[in-house]
């Protein structure tokens, strides 16, 4: 655009989502968009489109979204989301999480509750509250829950695929509290089913390091996991707030150990050909 319009500034109205189709003089044309959907009260809300697949095509923009909780969305946020034509959201949060942070999505979006509590998460949260945990324990915990998605928690993701395959009109989204762990694994499986290579899957997971608002969400996490008057150890909590590549790699490694490949896992766990 700068080359075509030297010195010109492109100003687009806010509150809309824009896609740009680029046609080079030679080579592949490509459609591109900003990865995140910028919302005043959004949490890690982004589009899964644009990724190249094994057969040379790309995942369509504006059809698949991933997000954290929506309890802080503003009215302008909801108006913007309505323009995305999202019709169905699979929410991986537990019932008590939904009660603590109610869904703030537009009423036009149907919510499918797929409650998921990885492994011994509840007992570990109790350790956090009691002060009996160290930062390395938190890292080990995050690795363990990602492995647990593969070994013990496939059912919610199987149901996610059932909803996705039955979805005929409009866009589709998945969410959890932060939009990076439960949602991260769900997104990794959707991208895998579409033929996106493993390194790109890992890169998409790690984008939560850019788009999850850690500083803003620290107070929410303190309220969620630390009792009134309890000590809030930021150093301890940071490994949980981050989306480190080794976390999702642990899940992918578990898939290889147990099933041999992502394709075999998608077939055996979710019935996907």
Protein backbone atom coordinates (compact mmCIF):
# COMPACT_ATOMS: atom_id res chain seq x y z
CA UNK A 1 0.00 0.00 0.00
CA UNK A 2 2.87 2.39 0.75
CA UNK A 3 4.41 1.68 -2.63
CA UNK A 4 1.12 2.29 -4.39
CA UNK A 5 0.22 5.37 -2.38
CA UNK A 6 3.44 7.09 -1.25
CA UNK A 7 2.84 9.15 1.86
CA UNK A 8 -0.81 8.14 2.07
CA UNK A 9 -2.32 6.86 5.30
CA UNK A 10 -4.98 4.18 5.21
CA UNK A 11 -7.60 4.83 7.89
CA UNK A 12 -10.27 2.18 8.43
CA UNK A 13 -13.32 2.73 10.65
CA UNK A 14 -13.19 0.97 14.02
CA UNK A 15 -15.63 -1.75 15.04
CA UNK A 16 -15.22 -3.85 11.91
CA UNK A 17 -12.96 -6.75 10.99
CA UNK A 18 -11.00 -6.28 7.77
CA UNK A 19 -9.47 -8.81 5.39
CA UNK A 20 -6.92 -7.98 2.71
CA UNK A 21 -6.47 -10.00 -0.47
CA UNK A 22 -2.97 -9.55 -1.82
CA UNK A 23 -2.27 -10.27 -5.49
CA UNK A 24 1.49 -10.08 -6.23
CA UNK A 25 2.80 -9.59 -9.76
CA UNK A 26 4.01 -13.18 -9.57
CA UNK A 27 3.63 -16.00 -7.08
CA UNK A 28 0.84 -16.99 -4.71
CA UNK A 29 -1.99 -14.62 -3.81
CA UNK A 30 -2.99 -14.60 -0.17
CA UNK A 31 -5.78 -13.31 2.03
CA UNK A 32 -4.62 -11.88 5.35
CA UNK A 33 -6.10 -10.29 8.46
CA UNK A 34 -5.01 -9.15 11.87
CA UNK A 35 -4.77 -12.32 13.97
CA UNK A 36 -6.45 -10.95 17.10
CA UNK A 37 -9.92 -9.47 17.26
CA UNK A 38 -9.40 -6.25 19.19
CA UNK A 39 -12.02 -5.92 21.90
CA UNK A 40 -12.01 -3.51 24.84
CA UNK A 41 -12.86 -6.26 27.33
CA UNK A 42 -11.82 -9.27 25.28
CA UNK A 43 -9.45 -11.96 26.50
CA UNK A 44 -7.12 -13.55 23.96
CA UNK A 45 -9.79 -13.48 21.22
CA UNK A 46 -8.34 -14.44 17.85
CA UNK A 47 -8.98 -15.94 14.44
CA UNK A 48 -7.62 -19.37 13.44
CA UNK A 49 -7.67 -18.51 9.74
CA UNK A 50 -4.82 -18.13 7.30
CA UNK A 51 -2.65 -21.10 8.26
CA UNK A 52 -1.29 -23.20 5.39
CA UNK A 53 -2.32 -26.86 5.28
CA UNK A 54 -0.52 -29.94 3.99
CA UNK A 55 -2.36 -29.86 0.65
CA UNK A 56 -1.28 -26.28 -0.06
CA UNK A 57 -4.56 -24.59 0.83
CA UNK A 58 -5.16 -22.29 3.81
CA UNK A 59 -7.62 -22.33 6.69
CA UNK A 60 -10.41 -19.86 5.92
CA UNK A 61 -10.42 -16.61 7.86
CA UNK A 62 -13.52 -15.61 9.81
CA UNK A 63 -14.83 -19.14 10.40
CA UNK A 64 -12.98 -20.43 13.47
CA UNK A 65 -12.25 -18.36 16.59
CA UNK A 66 -10.64 -19.01 19.96
CA UNK A 67 -10.95 -16.94 23.13
CA UNK A 68 -10.71 -16.65 26.88
CA UNK A 69 -13.60 -15.68 29.14
CA UNK A 70 -16.03 -13.03 27.92
CA UNK A 71 -17.30 -11.66 31.23
CA UNK A 72 -15.64 -8.25 30.72
CA UNK A 73 -16.97 -7.54 27.22
CA UNK A 74 -18.43 -4.08 26.64
CA UNK A 75 -21.52 -3.25 24.60
CA UNK A 76 -19.34 -2.10 21.66
CA UNK A 77 -17.46 -5.40 21.93
CA UNK A 78 -20.70 -7.34 21.62
CA UNK A 79 -21.76 -5.22 18.66
CA UNK A 80 -18.46 -6.00 16.95
CA UNK A 81 -18.80 -9.72 17.68
CA UNK A 82 -22.25 -9.74 16.14
CA UNK A 83 -20.67 -8.68 12.84
CA UNK A 84 -18.53 -11.85 12.91
CA UNK A 85 -21.64 -14.05 12.59
CA UNK A 86 -20.48 -16.50 15.28
CA UNK A 87 -23.38 -18.89 15.90
CA UNK A 88 -21.92 -21.48 18.32
CA UNK A 89 -19.37 -21.44 21.14
CA UNK A 90 -17.99 -24.50 22.94
CA UNK A 91 -17.09 -23.41 26.48
CA UNK A 92 -14.61 -25.69 28.30
CA UNK A 93 -14.97 -23.96 31.68
CA UNK A 94 -16.39 -25.73 34.74
CA UNK A 95 -19.83 -24.78 36.09
CA UNK A 96 -18.32 -22.84 39.00
CA UNK A 97 -16.10 -20.90 36.61
CA UNK A 98 -19.12 -19.90 34.53
CA UNK A 99 -20.92 -18.80 37.70
CA UNK A 100 -17.93 -16.70 38.82
CA UNK A 101 -17.40 -15.14 35.38
CA UNK A 102 -20.69 -15.28 33.47
CA UNK A 103 -20.65 -15.46 29.70
CA UNK A 104 -20.89 -12.01 28.13
CA UNK A 105 -21.18 -13.05 24.49
CA UNK A 106 -24.03 -11.74 22.33
CA UNK A 107 -27.33 -13.57 22.77
CA UNK A 108 -27.12 -14.66 19.13
CA UNK A 109 -24.35 -17.13 20.04
CA UNK A 110 -25.46 -20.53 21.35
CA UNK A 111 -23.26 -21.83 24.19
CA UNK A 112 -22.38 -25.53 24.45
CA UNK A 113 -20.94 -26.29 27.89
CA UNK A 114 -18.15 -28.89 27.70
CA UNK A 115 -16.82 -28.76 31.27
CA UNK A 116 -13.22 -29.89 31.59
CA UNK A 117 -10.99 -30.22 34.67
CA UNK A 118 -7.59 -31.65 33.76
CA UNK A 119 -6.08 -34.29 36.02
CA UNK A 120 -5.52 -33.30 39.63
CA UNK A 121 -6.14 -29.61 38.96
CA UNK A 122 -8.41 -29.08 41.95
CA UNK A 123 -5.92 -30.56 44.43
CA UNK A 124 -3.12 -28.49 42.93
CA UNK A 125 -5.18 -25.31 43.24
CA UNK A 126 -5.61 -26.18 46.91
CA UNK A 127 -1.81 -26.39 47.20
CA UNK A 128 -1.58 -22.93 45.68
CA UNK A 129 -4.06 -21.56 48.21
CA UNK A 130 -2.13 -23.13 51.09
CA UNK A 131 1.20 -21.80 49.85
CA UNK A 132 2.61 -25.30 49.37
CA UNK A 133 3.89 -24.87 45.79
CA UNK A 134 6.94 -23.49 43.98
CA UNK A 135 7.28 -21.97 40.47
CA UNK A 136 8.83 -25.18 39.12
CA UNK A 137 5.87 -27.12 40.54
CA UNK A 138 3.62 -24.87 38.49
CA UNK A 139 5.65 -25.52 35.33
CA UNK A 140 5.44 -29.27 35.96
CA UNK A 141 1.71 -28.93 36.55
CA UNK A 142 1.16 -27.14 33.23
CA UNK A 143 3.11 -29.84 31.40
CA UNK A 144 1.10 -32.53 33.20
CA UNK A 145 -2.33 -31.10 32.36
CA UNK A 146 -1.40 -30.90 28.67
CA UNK A 147 -0.43 -34.56 28.73
CA UNK A 148 -3.66 -35.27 30.57
CA UNK A 149 -5.71 -33.79 27.71
CA UNK A 150 -4.45 -36.72 25.64
CA UNK A 151 -4.53 -39.51 28.20
CA UNK A 152 -7.66 -38.77 30.25
CA UNK A 153 -9.68 -35.86 28.84
CA UNK A 154 -10.54 -36.59 25.24
CA UNK A 155 -14.32 -36.65 25.75
CA UNK A 156 -14.93 -32.86 25.78
CA UNK A 157 -12.84 -32.49 22.63
CA UNK A 158 -14.72 -35.34 20.93
CA UNK A 159 -17.93 -33.45 21.67
CA UNK A 160 -16.31 -30.26 20.34
CA UNK A 161 -15.72 -32.00 17.01
CA UNK A 162 -19.29 -33.32 16.99
CA UNK A 163 -20.59 -29.77 17.38
CA UNK A 164 -18.18 -28.46 14.75
CA UNK A 165 -19.06 -31.13 12.19
CA UNK A 166 -22.78 -30.56 12.74
CA UNK A 167 -22.36 -26.79 12.43
CA UNK A 168 -23.79 -25.68 9.10
CA UNK A 169 -24.03 -21.87 9.12
CA UNK A 170 -22.00 -19.04 10.58
CA UNK A 171 -18.70 -19.06 12.43
CA UNK A 172 -17.66 -21.32 15.33
CA UNK A 173 -15.61 -20.57 18.44
CA UNK A 174 -14.13 -22.27 21.49
CA UNK A 175 -13.23 -20.72 24.82
CA UNK A 176 -12.12 -21.37 28.38
CA UNK A 177 -11.00 -19.00 31.15
CA UNK A 178 -7.76 -17.70 29.63
CA UNK A 179 -8.17 -19.10 26.12
CA UNK A 180 -4.74 -20.69 26.17
CA UNK A 181 -4.70 -24.18 27.75
CA UNK A 182 -7.99 -26.05 27.30
CA UNK A 183 -8.79 -23.82 24.34
CA UNK A 184 -5.18 -24.13 23.19
CA UNK A 185 -5.39 -27.90 22.97
CA UNK A 186 -8.79 -27.72 21.27
CA UNK A 187 -7.43 -25.29 18.69
CA UNK A 188 -4.37 -27.49 18.18
CA UNK A 189 -6.63 -30.45 17.41
CA UNK A 190 -8.82 -28.46 15.00
CA UNK A 191 -5.77 -27.18 13.13
CA UNK A 192 -4.30 -30.69 13.11
CA UNK A 193 -7.51 -32.08 11.63
CA UNK A 194 -7.29 -29.45 8.89
CA UNK A 195 -3.75 -30.53 8.01
CA UNK A 196 -1.74 -27.71 9.59
CA UNK A 197 1.82 -28.78 10.38
CA UNK A 198 2.98 -29.30 13.97
CA UNK A 199 5.32 -26.30 14.18
CA UNK A 200 2.54 -23.96 13.08
CA UNK A 201 0.22 -25.54 15.65
CA UNK A 202 2.83 -24.82 18.34
CA UNK A 203 3.27 -21.26 17.08
CA UNK A 204 -0.47 -20.63 17.27
CA UNK A 205 -0.54 -21.93 20.85
CA UNK A 206 2.39 -19.67 21.81
CA UNK A 207 0.64 -16.57 20.42
CA UNK A 208 -1.20 -16.42 23.75
CA UNK A 209 2.09 -15.05 25.10
CA UNK A 210 1.32 -11.98 22.97
CA UNK A 211 -2.45 -11.76 23.18
CA UNK A 212 -3.34 -12.91 26.71
CA UNK A 213 -3.33 -9.76 28.89
CA UNK A 214 -1.33 -11.13 31.82
CA UNK A 215 -1.09 -7.96 33.88
CA UNK A 216 -4.81 -7.26 33.56
CA UNK A 217 -5.73 -10.84 34.40
CA UNK A 218 -3.51 -11.20 37.47
CA UNK A 219 -6.17 -9.72 39.75
CA UNK A 220 -8.82 -12.07 38.35
CA UNK A 221 -6.55 -15.06 39.00
CA UNK A 222 -5.76 -13.86 42.52
CA UNK A 223 -9.48 -13.69 43.27
CA UNK A 224 -10.05 -17.10 41.70
CA UNK A 225 -7.31 -19.10 43.43
CA UNK A 226 -6.25 -17.26 46.60
CA UNK A 227 -8.60 -16.95 49.61
CA UNK A 228 -9.18 -13.51 51.18
CA UNK A 229 -6.11 -12.49 53.13
CA UNK A 230 -4.01 -15.20 51.50
CA UNK A 231 -0.61 -14.51 49.97
CA UNK A 232 -0.55 -14.01 46.21
CA UNK A 233 2.79 -15.13 44.82
CA UNK A 234 3.17 -13.58 41.37
CA UNK A 235 6.36 -15.54 40.64
CA UNK A 236 4.49 -18.78 41.39
CA UNK A 237 1.52 -17.85 39.21
CA UNK A 238 3.45 -16.65 36.15
CA UNK A 239 4.10 -20.13 34.68
CA UNK A 240 0.32 -20.67 34.74
CA UNK A 241 -0.35 -17.27 33.15
CA UNK A 242 2.03 -17.95 30.27
CA UNK A 243 1.59 -20.15 27.20
CA UNK A 244 5.03 -21.69 26.89
CA UNK A 245 5.68 -23.84 23.83
CA UNK A 246 6.87 -26.82 25.95
CA UNK A 247 3.36 -27.09 27.40
CA UNK A 248 1.65 -27.91 24.10
CA UNK A 249 4.70 -29.88 22.94
CA UNK A 250 4.13 -32.14 25.98
CA UNK A 251 0.64 -32.91 24.65
CA UNK A 252 1.94 -33.57 21.14
CA UNK A 253 4.68 -35.81 22.52
CA UNK A 254 2.05 -37.72 24.52
CA UNK A 255 0.09 -38.22 21.30
CA UNK A 256 3.17 -39.69 19.61
CA UNK A 257 3.92 -42.02 22.52
CA UNK A 258 0.36 -43.30 22.81
CA UNK A 259 -0.85 -43.18 19.21
CA UNK A 260 2.14 -42.74 16.91
CA UNK A 261 0.87 -39.64 15.09
CA UNK A 262 -1.65 -36.82 15.27
CA UNK A 263 -3.63 -38.42 12.46
CA UNK A 264 -3.93 -41.72 14.35
CA UNK A 265 -4.99 -39.87 17.50
CA UNK A 266 -7.67 -37.90 15.64
CA UNK A 267 -9.03 -41.20 14.30
CA UNK A 268 -8.96 -43.18 17.54
CA UNK A 269 -9.99 -40.44 19.97
CA UNK A 270 -12.48 -38.48 17.86
CA UNK A 271 -13.42 -40.78 14.98
CA UNK A 272 -12.07 -38.37 12.36
CA UNK A 273 -11.02 -39.87 9.05
